[in-house]
Amino acid sequence: MKALRLQLIDGYRLTTAEILYHLPDHPHLLQSFVWQELDIAPRFPVLRRFLDFWSHHLDGRLHSVKVAQAPLLVPARLAHAEISLSLH
């Protein structure tokens, strides 16, 4: 119920972040990590907390973060048919 409330009332959307980071043992190599959570644009407080935790507690130095966002709950889309066909 909390996730539903966040989406309907507070405006949170499903946020996906692709995080590229340097491997601790091989800093010239990049590794990809995909993070997904409900968050609110444009400030992204949940993602910022996660990235803050990452930079203070994990060894892999961050390289870049790509963020995409989409609503989970959207109104139904109805379309009327323009043509009617019958088969014999």
Protein backbone atom coordinates (compact mmCIF):
# COMPACT_ATOMS: atom_id res chain seq x y z
CA MET A 1 0.00 0.00 0.00
CA LYS A 2 2.88 2.35 0.67
CA ALA A 3 4.15 2.05 -2.93
CA LEU A 4 0.66 2.73 -4.27
CA ARG A 5 0.35 5.83 -2.09
CA LEU A 6 3.75 7.09 -3.23
CA GLN A 7 2.70 6.77 -6.87
CA LEU A 8 -0.83 8.14 -6.66
CA ILE A 9 -0.44 10.92 -4.12
CA ASP A 10 3.23 11.85 -3.95
CA GLY A 11 4.09 11.56 -7.67
CA TYR A 12 6.79 8.90 -7.43
CA ARG A 13 7.69 7.00 -10.62
CA LEU A 14 9.68 3.87 -11.39
CA THR A 15 13.25 5.07 -11.76
CA THR A 16 16.00 3.02 -13.37
CA ALA A 17 19.65 4.02 -13.15
CA GLU A 18 22.54 2.43 -15.01
CA ILE A 19 25.61 3.01 -12.87
CA LEU A 20 29.05 2.61 -14.39
CA TYR A 21 31.88 2.22 -11.90
CA HIS A 22 35.57 1.40 -11.89
CA LEU A 23 36.52 -2.07 -10.68
CA PRO A 24 38.55 -1.78 -7.45
CA ASP A 25 41.24 -4.26 -8.56
CA HIS A 26 41.35 -3.05 -12.18
CA PRO A 27 40.56 0.69 -12.18
CA HIS A 28 40.90 0.96 -15.98
CA LEU A 29 37.89 -1.40 -16.43
CA LEU A 30 34.25 -0.35 -16.01
CA GLN A 31 31.45 -2.48 -14.63
CA SER A 32 27.72 -1.81 -15.03
CA PHE A 33 25.13 -1.99 -12.25
CA VAL A 34 21.38 -1.45 -12.77
CA TRP A 35 19.42 0.08 -9.89
CA GLN A 36 15.61 0.34 -9.88
CA GLU A 37 13.34 1.93 -7.27
CA LEU A 38 10.42 4.32 -6.90
CA ASP A 39 11.75 7.88 -6.87
CA ILE A 40 10.64 11.41 -7.69
CA ALA A 41 12.16 13.68 -10.35
CA PRO A 42 14.01 15.98 -10.68
CA ARG A 43 15.68 15.74 -7.27
CA PHE A 44 15.82 11.90 -7.04
CA PRO A 45 16.23 11.70 -3.23
CA VAL A 46 16.21 7.87 -3.10
CA LEU A 47 18.84 7.56 -5.84
CA ARG A 48 20.98 10.26 -4.22
CA ARG A 49 20.91 8.39 -0.88
CA PHE A 50 21.95 5.19 -2.66
CA LEU A 51 24.81 6.93 -4.51
CA ASP A 52 25.93 8.57 -1.27
CA PHE A 53 26.00 5.15 0.42
CA TRP A 54 27.94 3.76 -2.57
CA SER A 55 30.60 6.45 -2.49
CA HIS A 56 31.14 6.14 1.28
CA HIS A 57 30.94 2.36 1.79
CA LEU A 58 31.85 0.59 -1.47
CA ASP A 59 35.25 0.37 -3.15
CA GLY A 60 34.24 0.88 -6.80
CA ARG A 61 34.65 4.56 -7.74
CA LEU A 62 31.64 5.90 -9.66
CA HIS A 63 32.18 6.80 -13.31
CA SER A 64 28.71 7.82 -14.55
CA VAL A 65 24.99 7.41 -13.92
CA LYS A 66 22.22 7.32 -16.56
CA VAL A 67 18.67 7.78 -15.27
CA ALA A 68 15.34 6.87 -16.90
CA GLN A 69 11.90 7.24 -15.37
CA ALA A 70 8.42 5.96 -16.24
CA PRO A 71 5.07 5.91 -14.43
CA LEU A 72 3.80 2.50 -13.34
CA LEU A 73 0.20 3.58 -13.07
CA VAL A 74 -1.25 5.22 -16.16
CA PRO A 75 -4.85 5.73 -17.32
CA ALA A 76 -6.25 3.09 -19.64
CA ARG A 77 -5.98 3.89 -23.34
CA LEU A 78 -8.99 2.98 -25.44
CA ALA A 79 -9.24 3.29 -29.19
CA HIS A 80 -12.25 2.70 -31.42
CA ALA A 81 -11.87 0.51 -34.46
CA GLU A 82 -11.99 2.38 -37.76
CA ILE A 83 -13.02 -0.72 -39.75
CA SER A 84 -15.26 -3.72 -39.27
CA LEU A 85 -14.49 -7.00 -41.07
CA SER A 86 -16.46 -10.20 -41.27
CA LEU A 87 -15.29 -13.66 -42.30
CA HIS A 88 -17.53 -16.25 -43.96
